[in-house]
Amino acid sequence: MLTLIRGAGDIASGIALRLYRAGFSVVMTEIERPTTIRRTVAFSDAVVSGEQTVEDVTALRAETWEEARLYLDQGNIPVLVDPNCACRDQLKPGALVDAILAKRNLGTAITDAPIVVGVGPGFAAGVDCHAVVETMRGHTLGRVCYEGSALPNTNIPGLIGGFAGERVLRAPADGVFESSHRIGDLVEAGDTIGFVAGKPMQATISGVLRGLLANGVPVKQGMKSGDVDPRGKVEYCDLASDKALAVGGGVLEAILHFEAMKHGK
């Protein structure tokens, strides 16, 4: 089955990995200038570099839906710059997954494909999609909601290594993000990780830089711009997270559930 995923950030990429490894053909869409933090495990980086490999799966930037078809035939994941998902009409996917994670629906409708799955808050099963997959860390992470909605956004990151909000690095001002650090660097609390409009963005805990915006990305004050993992495991920077794979498992369940229903199972 051809599945179209809106968004190509780290959670969307975890979904893509689950589906691809289960035998699905996957096409992803992104914006022209992605604001992904965990860029080493996100297919969105293919928009910038032309190619991105996450674990053992490669994505290529496609300029047209015809080129996307060619990359599919070659066994890769095409990523199209297509914020409005206009390619849907040509590709005619069997399933569409909205994994933009905007905390609100940016235009996905239950009629966009035979199976439509919303990821996270902002969707209601049976209204604008057939199922919703929970993204909140905790007991219900990755659970499929066939009725109702996901838990509302709390703006509080989940606990990792005993830390929650302290992990997140936020832009200190409006402007353009710049940093001499790279994902995978070990940092200490108080280290300056980057600058925006001459103001420093400092780490509040020690650990490994698991995520960091690309240089030159315009930001607003308070915008998430980096992520420090207190566990300090550099190798985790190149692996899809437990959260991404859990959400991906939920999406896989939802699609297979509705496919089975079509066949009377």
C-alpha atoms as a PDB file:
ATOM      1  CA  MET A   1       0.000   0.000   0.000  1.00  0.00           C
ATOM      2  CA  LEU A   2       1.177   3.522  -0.782  1.00  0.00           C
ATOM      3  CA  THR A   3       1.095   5.703   2.337  1.00  0.00           C
ATOM      4  CA  LEU A   4       1.535   9.474   2.212  1.00  0.00           C
ATOM      5  CA  ILE A   5       2.925  11.081   5.379  1.00  0.00           C
ATOM      6  CA  ARG A   6       2.498  14.805   5.940  1.00  0.00           C
ATOM      7  CA  GLY A   7       5.618  15.979   7.757  1.00  0.00           C
ATOM      8  CA  ALA A   8       9.114  14.467   7.840  1.00  0.00           C
ATOM      9  CA  GLY A   9      10.396  15.353  11.303  1.00  0.00           C
ATOM     10  CA  ASP A  10      11.721  12.802  13.777  1.00  0.00           C
ATOM     11  CA  ILE A  11       8.301  11.448  14.818  1.00  0.00           C
ATOM     12  CA  ALA A  12       7.090  11.293  11.216  1.00  0.00           C
ATOM     13  CA  SER A  13      10.344   9.535  10.325  1.00  0.00           C
ATOM     14  CA  GLY A  14       9.812   6.933  13.051  1.00  0.00           C
ATOM     15  CA  ILE A  15       6.409   6.289  11.491  1.00  0.00           C
ATOM     16  CA  ALA A  16       8.010   6.017   8.054  1.00  0.00           C
ATOM     17  CA  LEU A  17      10.573   3.501   9.338  1.00  0.00           C
ATOM     18  CA  ARG A  18       7.859   1.286  10.847  1.00  0.00           C
ATOM     19  CA  LEU A  19       5.765   1.344   7.676  1.00  0.00           C
ATOM     20  CA  TYR A  20       8.673   0.937   5.267  1.00  0.00           C
ATOM     21  CA  ARG A  21      10.026  -2.058   7.171  1.00  0.00           C
ATOM     22  CA  ALA A  22       6.556  -3.598   7.177  1.00  0.00           C
ATOM     23  CA  GLY A  23       6.475  -3.480   3.373  1.00  0.00           C
ATOM     24  CA  PHE A  24       4.611  -0.231   2.750  1.00  0.00           C
ATOM     25  CA  SER A  25       5.588   2.250   0.050  1.00  0.00           C
ATOM     26  CA  VAL A  26       6.051   5.634   1.749  1.00  0.00           C
ATOM     27  CA  VAL A  27       6.055   9.197   0.384  1.00  0.00           C
ATOM     28  CA  MET A  28       6.599  12.175   2.697  1.00  0.00           C
ATOM     29  CA  THR A  29       5.914  15.904   2.340  1.00  0.00           C
ATOM     30  CA  GLU A  30       7.670  18.819   4.023  1.00  0.00           C
ATOM     31  CA  ILE A  31       8.011  22.598   4.014  1.00  0.00           C
ATOM     32  CA  GLU A  32      10.821  24.308   2.100  1.00  0.00           C
ATOM     33  CA  ARG A  33      12.710  25.229   5.267  1.00  0.00           C
ATOM     34  CA  PRO A  34      12.219  22.490   7.873  1.00  0.00           C
ATOM     35  CA  THR A  35      12.498  23.397  11.564  1.00  0.00           C
ATOM     36  CA  THR A  36      13.364  19.875  12.708  1.00  0.00           C
ATOM     37  CA  ILE A  37      15.486  19.613  15.865  1.00  0.00           C
ATOM     38  CA  ARG A  38      16.518  15.929  15.746  1.00  0.00           C
ATOM     39  CA  ARG A  39      17.877  16.271  12.215  1.00  0.00           C
ATOM     40  CA  THR A  40      20.087  13.137  12.304  1.00  0.00           C
ATOM     41  CA  VAL A  41      16.999  10.928  12.610  1.00  0.00           C
ATOM     42  CA  ALA A  42      14.622  12.907  10.403  1.00  0.00           C
ATOM     43  CA  PHE A  43      14.018  12.483   6.689  1.00  0.00           C
ATOM     44  CA  SER A  44      13.233  16.214   6.516  1.00  0.00           C
ATOM     45  CA  ASP A  45      16.966  16.820   6.083  1.00  0.00           C
ATOM     46  CA  ALA A  46      16.644  15.400   2.559  1.00  0.00           C
ATOM     47  CA  VAL A  47      14.923  18.680   1.657  1.00  0.00           C
ATOM     48  CA  VAL A  48      18.170  20.531   2.405  1.00  0.00           C
ATOM     49  CA  SER A  49      20.853  18.005   1.428  1.00  0.00           C
ATOM     50  CA  GLY A  50      18.972  16.073  -1.262  1.00  0.00           C
ATOM     51  CA  GLU A  51      19.452  12.759   0.550  1.00  0.00           C
ATOM     52  CA  GLN A  52      19.107  11.546   4.130  1.00  0.00           C
ATOM     53  CA  THR A  53      19.636   8.098   5.605  1.00  0.00           C
ATOM     54  CA  VAL A  54      18.068   7.259   8.964  1.00  0.00           C
ATOM     55  CA  GLU A  55      19.331   3.977  10.352  1.00  0.00           C
ATOM     56  CA  ASP A  56      19.198   1.733   7.252  1.00  0.00           C
ATOM     57  CA  VAL A  57      16.578   3.599   5.191  1.00  0.00           C
ATOM     58  CA  THR A  58      17.299   6.343   2.647  1.00  0.00           C
ATOM     59  CA  ALA A  59      15.090   9.243   1.601  1.00  0.00           C
ATOM     60  CA  LEU A  60      15.621  11.418  -1.466  1.00  0.00           C
ATOM     61  CA  ARG A  61      14.231  14.849  -2.257  1.00  0.00           C
ATOM     62  CA  ALA A  62      11.808  14.604  -5.176  1.00  0.00           C
ATOM     63  CA  GLU A  63      10.859  17.664  -7.216  1.00  0.00           C
ATOM     64  CA  THR A  64       7.726  16.186  -8.781  1.00  0.00           C
ATOM     65  CA  TRP A  65       5.287  13.400  -8.022  1.00  0.00           C
ATOM     66  CA  GLU A  66       6.586  11.581 -11.124  1.00  0.00           C
ATOM     67  CA  GLU A  67      10.099  11.688  -9.665  1.00  0.00           C
ATOM     68  CA  ALA A  68       8.654  10.447  -6.390  1.00  0.00           C
ATOM     69  CA  ARG A  69       7.253   7.419  -8.213  1.00  0.00           C
ATOM     70  CA  LEU A  70      10.708   6.720  -9.669  1.00  0.00           C
ATOM     71  CA  TYR A  71      12.340   6.812  -6.235  1.00  0.00           C
ATOM     72  CA  LEU A  72       9.664   4.490  -4.875  1.00  0.00           C
ATOM     73  CA  ASP A  73      10.488   1.991  -7.604  1.00  0.00           C
ATOM     74  CA  GLN A  74      14.148   2.197  -6.529  1.00  0.00           C
ATOM     75  CA  GLY A  75      13.224   1.266  -2.951  1.00  0.00           C
ATOM     76  CA  ASN A  76      13.714   4.704  -1.400  1.00  0.00           C
ATOM     77  CA  ILE A  77      11.422   7.152   0.408  1.00  0.00           C
ATOM     78  CA  PRO A  78      10.708  10.302  -1.627  1.00  0.00           C
ATOM     79  CA  VAL A  79      10.334  13.615   0.215  1.00  0.00           C
ATOM     80  CA  LEU A  80       8.432  16.337  -1.629  1.00  0.00           C
ATOM     81  CA  VAL A  81       8.359  20.021  -0.696  1.00  0.00           C
ATOM     82  CA  ASP A  82       4.596  20.232  -0.674  1.00  0.00           C
ATOM     83  CA  PRO A  83       3.132  21.935   2.432  1.00  0.00           C
ATOM     84  CA  ASN A  84      -0.424  21.715   1.086  1.00  0.00           C
ATOM     85  CA  CYS A  85      -0.061  18.056   0.097  1.00  0.00           C
ATOM     86  CA  ALA A  86      -1.138  18.764  -3.476  1.00  0.00           C
ATOM     87  CA  CYS A  87       0.628  15.578  -4.619  1.00  0.00           C
ATOM     88  CA  ARG A  88      -2.162  13.586  -2.972  1.00  0.00           C
ATOM     89  CA  ASP A  89      -4.365  13.972  -6.040  1.00  0.00           C
ATOM     90  CA  GLN A  90      -1.750  12.426  -8.324  1.00  0.00           C
ATOM     91  CA  LEU A  91      -0.382   9.767  -5.971  1.00  0.00           C
ATOM     92  CA  LYS A  92      -3.808   8.594  -4.719  1.00  0.00           C
ATOM     93  CA  PRO A  93      -2.453   6.977  -1.524  1.00  0.00           C
ATOM     94  CA  GLY A  94      -4.240   4.114   0.170  1.00  0.00           C
ATOM     95  CA  ALA A  95      -3.512   5.787   3.508  1.00  0.00           C
ATOM     96  CA  LEU A  96      -2.619   9.312   4.576  1.00  0.00           C
ATOM     97  CA  VAL A  97      -0.922  10.106   7.901  1.00  0.00           C
ATOM     98  CA  ASP A  98      -0.824  13.661   9.234  1.00  0.00           C
ATOM     99  CA  ALA A  99       2.344  13.754  11.343  1.00  0.00           C
ATOM    100  CA  ILE A 100       3.046  17.487  11.118  1.00  0.00           C
ATOM    101  CA  LEU A 101       2.572  17.698  14.911  1.00  0.00           C
ATOM    102  CA  ALA A 102       1.246  21.246  14.751  1.00  0.00           C
ATOM    103  CA  LYS A 103      -1.081  20.521  17.713  1.00  0.00           C
ATOM    104  CA  ARG A 104      -3.927  21.471  15.357  1.00  0.00           C
ATOM    105  CA  ASN A 105      -5.239  20.271  12.032  1.00  0.00           C
ATOM    106  CA  LEU A 106      -3.685  22.238   9.163  1.00  0.00           C
ATOM    107  CA  GLY A 107      -6.059  20.952   6.511  1.00  0.00           C
ATOM    108  CA  THR A 108      -6.264  17.165   6.603  1.00  0.00           C
ATOM    109  CA  ALA A 109      -9.749  15.743   5.925  1.00  0.00           C
ATOM    110  CA  ILE A 110     -11.175  12.278   6.481  1.00  0.00           C
ATOM    111  CA  THR A 111     -11.893  12.151   2.736  1.00  0.00           C
ATOM    112  CA  ASP A 112      -8.226  12.624   1.733  1.00  0.00           C
ATOM    113  CA  ALA A 113      -7.620   8.858   1.474  1.00  0.00           C
ATOM    114  CA  PRO A 114      -9.416   5.571   2.197  1.00  0.00           C
ATOM    115  CA  ILE A 115      -7.555   5.531   5.557  1.00  0.00           C
ATOM    116  CA  VAL A 116      -6.601   8.766   7.299  1.00  0.00           C
ATOM    117  CA  VAL A 117      -4.633   8.773  10.569  1.00  0.00           C
ATOM    118  CA  GLY A 118      -4.016  11.877  12.679  1.00  0.00           C
ATOM    119  CA  VAL A 119      -0.984  11.972  14.963  1.00  0.00           C
ATOM    120  CA  GLY A 120      -1.247  13.789  18.285  1.00  0.00           C
ATOM    121  CA  PRO A 121      -3.588  16.571  19.431  1.00  0.00           C
ATOM    122  CA  GLY A 122      -5.761  18.464  16.962  1.00  0.00           C
ATOM    123  CA  PHE A 123      -7.637  15.547  15.403  1.00  0.00           C
ATOM    124  CA  ALA A 124     -10.885  13.776  16.228  1.00  0.00           C
ATOM    125  CA  ALA A 125     -11.422  10.179  15.095  1.00  0.00           C
ATOM    126  CA  GLY A 126     -14.522   9.904  12.947  1.00  0.00           C
ATOM    127  CA  VAL A 127     -14.513  13.641  12.211  1.00  0.00           C
ATOM    128  CA  ASP A 128     -11.330  14.670  10.354  1.00  0.00           C
ATOM    129  CA  CYS A 129      -9.600  11.273  10.368  1.00  0.00           C
ATOM    130  CA  HIS A 130     -10.404   7.606  10.939  1.00  0.00           C
ATOM    131  CA  ALA A 131      -8.053   7.176  13.910  1.00  0.00           C
ATOM    132  CA  VAL A 132      -5.751   9.226  16.129  1.00  0.00           C
ATOM    133  CA  VAL A 133      -2.448   8.022  17.604  1.00  0.00           C
ATOM    134  CA  GLU A 134      -1.382   9.281  21.033  1.00  0.00           C
ATOM    135  CA  THR A 135       1.960  11.131  21.216  1.00  0.00           C
ATOM    136  CA  MET A 136       2.030  12.027  24.918  1.00  0.00           C
ATOM    137  CA  ARG A 137       4.768  10.152  26.780  1.00  0.00           C
ATOM    138  CA  GLY A 138       3.332   7.866  29.422  1.00  0.00           C
ATOM    139  CA  HIS A 139       1.069   4.852  29.688  1.00  0.00           C
ATOM    140  CA  THR A 140      -0.939   5.646  26.527  1.00  0.00           C
ATOM    141  CA  LEU A 141       1.957   6.577  24.209  1.00  0.00           C
ATOM    142  CA  GLY A 142       1.363   5.013  20.780  1.00  0.00           C
ATOM    143  CA  ARG A 143      -2.186   3.923  21.630  1.00  0.00           C
ATOM    144  CA  VAL A 144      -4.727   4.185  18.808  1.00  0.00           C
ATOM    145  CA  CYS A 145      -7.924   6.144  19.453  1.00  0.00           C
ATOM    146  CA  TYR A 146     -10.728   4.936  17.193  1.00  0.00           C
ATOM    147  CA  GLU A 147     -13.059   7.372  18.935  1.00  0.00           C
ATOM    148  CA  GLY A 148     -12.286  10.806  20.332  1.00  0.00           C
ATOM    149  CA  SER A 149      -8.977  12.646  20.386  1.00  0.00           C
ATOM    150  CA  ALA A 150      -5.441  12.414  21.727  1.00  0.00           C
ATOM    151  CA  LEU A 151      -4.584  14.007  25.070  1.00  0.00           C
ATOM    152  CA  PRO A 152      -4.289  17.813  24.881  1.00  0.00           C
ATOM    153  CA  ASN A 153      -0.855  19.371  24.537  1.00  0.00           C
ATOM    154  CA  THR A 154       0.702  20.403  27.879  1.00  0.00           C
ATOM    155  CA  ASN A 155       3.794  22.155  26.451  1.00  0.00           C
ATOM    156  CA  ILE A 156       5.823  20.106  28.953  1.00  0.00           C
ATOM    157  CA  PRO A 157       8.319  17.688  27.352  1.00  0.00           C
ATOM    158  CA  GLY A 158       8.328  14.103  28.569  1.00  0.00           C
ATOM    159  CA  LEU A 159      10.838  12.883  31.130  1.00  0.00           C
ATOM    160  CA  ILE A 160      14.150  11.571  29.825  1.00  0.00           C
ATOM    161  CA  GLY A 161      16.876  10.733  32.317  1.00  0.00           C
ATOM    162  CA  GLY A 162      14.896  12.489  35.032  1.00  0.00           C
ATOM    163  CA  PHE A 163      14.612  15.796  33.177  1.00  0.00           C
ATOM    164  CA  ALA A 164      11.676  17.308  31.286  1.00  0.00           C
ATOM    165  CA  GLY A 165      11.530  21.002  30.319  1.00  0.00           C
ATOM    166  CA  GLU A 166      15.180  21.481  31.265  1.00  0.00           C
ATOM    167  CA  ARG A 167      16.189  19.403  28.248  1.00  0.00           C
ATOM    168  CA  VAL A 168      14.777  21.867  25.738  1.00  0.00           C
ATOM    169  CA  LEU A 169      16.849  24.767  24.423  1.00  0.00           C
ATOM    170  CA  ARG A 170      14.747  27.731  23.331  1.00  0.00           C
ATOM    171  CA  ALA A 171      15.610  30.713  21.163  1.00  0.00           C
ATOM    172  CA  PRO A 172      16.488  33.730  23.361  1.00  0.00           C
ATOM    173  CA  ALA A 173      15.177  36.264  20.820  1.00  0.00           C
ATOM    174  CA  ASP A 174      13.639  36.718  17.392  1.00  0.00           C
ATOM    175  CA  GLY A 175      16.163  36.393  14.588  1.00  0.00           C
ATOM    176  CA  VAL A 176      18.333  33.851  12.784  1.00  0.00           C
ATOM    177  CA  PHE A 177      19.766  30.863  14.637  1.00  0.00           C
ATOM    178  CA  GLU A 178      23.541  30.299  14.498  1.00  0.00           C
ATOM    179  CA  SER A 179      25.715  27.747  16.318  1.00  0.00           C
ATOM    180  CA  SER A 180      29.187  26.271  16.095  1.00  0.00           C
ATOM    181  CA  HIS A 181      27.995  23.113  17.879  1.00  0.00           C
ATOM    182  CA  ARG A 182      26.834  19.924  16.185  1.00  0.00           C
ATOM    183  CA  ILE A 183      24.383  17.193  17.118  1.00  0.00           C
ATOM    184  CA  GLY A 184      26.340  14.604  19.116  1.00  0.00           C
ATOM    185  CA  ASP A 185      28.484  17.130  21.000  1.00  0.00           C
ATOM    186  CA  LEU A 186      28.810  16.616  24.740  1.00  0.00           C
ATOM    187  CA  VAL A 187      27.921  19.822  26.601  1.00  0.00           C
ATOM    188  CA  GLU A 188      27.857  21.075  30.186  1.00  0.00           C
ATOM    189  CA  ALA A 189      25.215  23.124  31.962  1.00  0.00           C
ATOM    190  CA  GLY A 190      25.936  26.777  31.261  1.00  0.00           C
ATOM    191  CA  ASP A 191      27.622  26.175  27.897  1.00  0.00           C
ATOM    192  CA  THR A 192      26.560  28.527  25.118  1.00  0.00           C
ATOM    193  CA  ILE A 193      25.078  26.381  22.365  1.00  0.00           C
ATOM    194  CA  GLY A 194      24.128  29.075  19.890  1.00  0.00           C
ATOM    195  CA  PHE A 195      23.162  32.684  19.313  1.00  0.00           C
ATOM    196  CA  VAL A 196      20.123  34.551  18.055  1.00  0.00           C
ATOM    197  CA  ALA A 197      20.467  38.292  17.379  1.00  0.00           C
ATOM    198  CA  GLY A 198      23.632  38.288  19.484  1.00  0.00           C
ATOM    199  CA  LYS A 199      21.934  36.733  22.515  1.00  0.00           C
ATOM    200  CA  PRO A 200      23.310  33.409  23.794  1.00  0.00           C
ATOM    201  CA  MET A 201      21.272  30.224  24.074  1.00  0.00           C
ATOM    202  CA  GLN A 202      22.693  28.239  26.986  1.00  0.00           C
ATOM    203  CA  ALA A 203      22.304  24.650  28.118  1.00  0.00           C
ATOM    204  CA  THR A 204      20.661  24.265  31.521  1.00  0.00           C
ATOM    205  CA  ILE A 205      21.759  20.640  31.998  1.00  0.00           C
ATOM    206  CA  SER A 206      24.736  18.525  30.970  1.00  0.00           C
ATOM    207  CA  GLY A 207      24.502  15.774  28.373  1.00  0.00           C
ATOM    208  CA  VAL A 208      24.688  15.190  24.643  1.00  0.00           C
ATOM    209  CA  LEU A 209      23.170  17.510  22.065  1.00  0.00           C
ATOM    210  CA  ARG A 210      20.506  15.200  20.676  1.00  0.00           C
ATOM    211  CA  GLY A 211      18.913  17.892  18.539  1.00  0.00           C
ATOM    212  CA  LEU A 212      19.818  21.305  17.149  1.00  0.00           C
ATOM    213  CA  LEU A 213      18.342  23.594  14.529  1.00  0.00           C
ATOM    214  CA  ALA A 214      20.321  24.084  11.350  1.00  0.00           C
ATOM    215  CA  ASN A 215      22.216  27.350  11.021  1.00  0.00           C
ATOM    216  CA  GLY A 216      20.342  30.109   9.249  1.00  0.00           C
ATOM    217  CA  VAL A 217      16.857  29.076  10.339  1.00  0.00           C
ATOM    218  CA  PRO A 218      14.654  32.049  11.311  1.00  0.00           C
ATOM    219  CA  VAL A 219      13.276  31.669  14.856  1.00  0.00           C
ATOM    220  CA  LYS A 220      10.931  33.414  17.249  1.00  0.00           C
ATOM    221  CA  GLN A 221      11.771  33.978  20.904  1.00  0.00           C
ATOM    222  CA  GLY A 222      10.933  30.859  22.904  1.00  0.00           C
ATOM    223  CA  MET A 223      10.937  28.579  19.855  1.00  0.00           C
ATOM    224  CA  LYS A 224      12.404  25.124  20.480  1.00  0.00           C
ATOM    225  CA  SER A 225      15.899  25.193  18.993  1.00  0.00           C
ATOM    226  CA  GLY A 226      17.787  22.333  20.633  1.00  0.00           C
ATOM    227  CA  ASP A 227      17.541  19.290  22.878  1.00  0.00           C
ATOM    228  CA  VAL A 228      20.046  18.007  25.435  1.00  0.00           C
ATOM    229  CA  ASP A 229      19.831  14.328  26.381  1.00  0.00           C
ATOM    230  CA  PRO A 230      21.064  13.931  29.984  1.00  0.00           C
ATOM    231  CA  ARG A 231      21.831  10.239  29.434  1.00  0.00           C
ATOM    232  CA  GLY A 232      24.909  11.300  27.460  1.00  0.00           C
ATOM    233  CA  LYS A 233      24.690   8.425  24.962  1.00  0.00           C
ATOM    234  CA  VAL A 234      26.084   9.808  21.700  1.00  0.00           C
ATOM    235  CA  GLU A 235      24.937   6.714  19.792  1.00  0.00           C
ATOM    236  CA  TYR A 236      21.298   7.591  20.524  1.00  0.00           C
ATOM    237  CA  CYS A 237      21.647  10.597  18.200  1.00  0.00           C
ATOM    238  CA  ASP A 238      21.551   8.260  15.198  1.00  0.00           C
ATOM    239  CA  LEU A 239      18.660   6.071  16.352  1.00  0.00           C
ATOM    240  CA  ALA A 240      14.949   6.796  16.097  1.00  0.00           C
ATOM    241  CA  SER A 241      13.592   7.394  19.587  1.00  0.00           C
ATOM    242  CA  ASP A 242      11.407   5.061  21.603  1.00  0.00           C
ATOM    243  CA  LYS A 243       8.616   7.642  21.237  1.00  0.00           C
ATOM    244  CA  ALA A 244       8.924   7.834  17.444  1.00  0.00           C
ATOM    245  CA  LEU A 245       8.830   4.055  17.081  1.00  0.00           C
ATOM    246  CA  ALA A 246       5.924   3.701  19.538  1.00  0.00           C
ATOM    247  CA  VAL A 247       3.889   6.237  17.577  1.00  0.00           C
ATOM    248  CA  GLY A 248       4.919   4.478  14.363  1.00  0.00           C
ATOM    249  CA  GLY A 249       3.644   1.197  15.775  1.00  0.00           C
ATOM    250  CA  GLY A 250       0.305   2.835  16.527  1.00  0.00           C
ATOM    251  CA  VAL A 251       0.014   4.158  12.973  1.00  0.00           C
ATOM    252  CA  LEU A 252       0.851   0.718  11.596  1.00  0.00           C
ATOM    253  CA  GLU A 253      -1.842  -0.846  13.791  1.00  0.00           C
ATOM    254  CA  ALA A 254      -4.449   1.683  12.671  1.00  0.00           C
ATOM    255  CA  ILE A 255      -3.790   1.151   8.971  1.00  0.00           C
ATOM    256  CA  LEU A 256      -3.804  -2.646   9.266  1.00  0.00           C
ATOM    257  CA  HIS A 257      -6.989  -2.475  11.373  1.00  0.00           C
ATOM    258  CA  PHE A 258      -8.917  -0.627   8.686  1.00  0.00           C
ATOM    259  CA  GLU A 259      -7.440  -2.786   5.930  1.00  0.00           C
ATOM    260  CA  ALA A 260      -8.637  -5.894   7.772  1.00  0.00           C
ATOM    261  CA  MET A 261     -12.107  -4.372   8.176  1.00  0.00           C
ATOM    262  CA  LYS A 262     -12.322  -3.848   4.399  1.00  0.00           C
ATOM    263  CA  HIS A 263     -11.723  -7.545   3.918  1.00  0.00           C
ATOM    264  CA  GLY A 264     -14.228  -8.555   6.578  1.00  0.00           C
ATOM    265  CA  LYS A 265     -11.665  -9.737   9.123  1.00  0.00           C
END
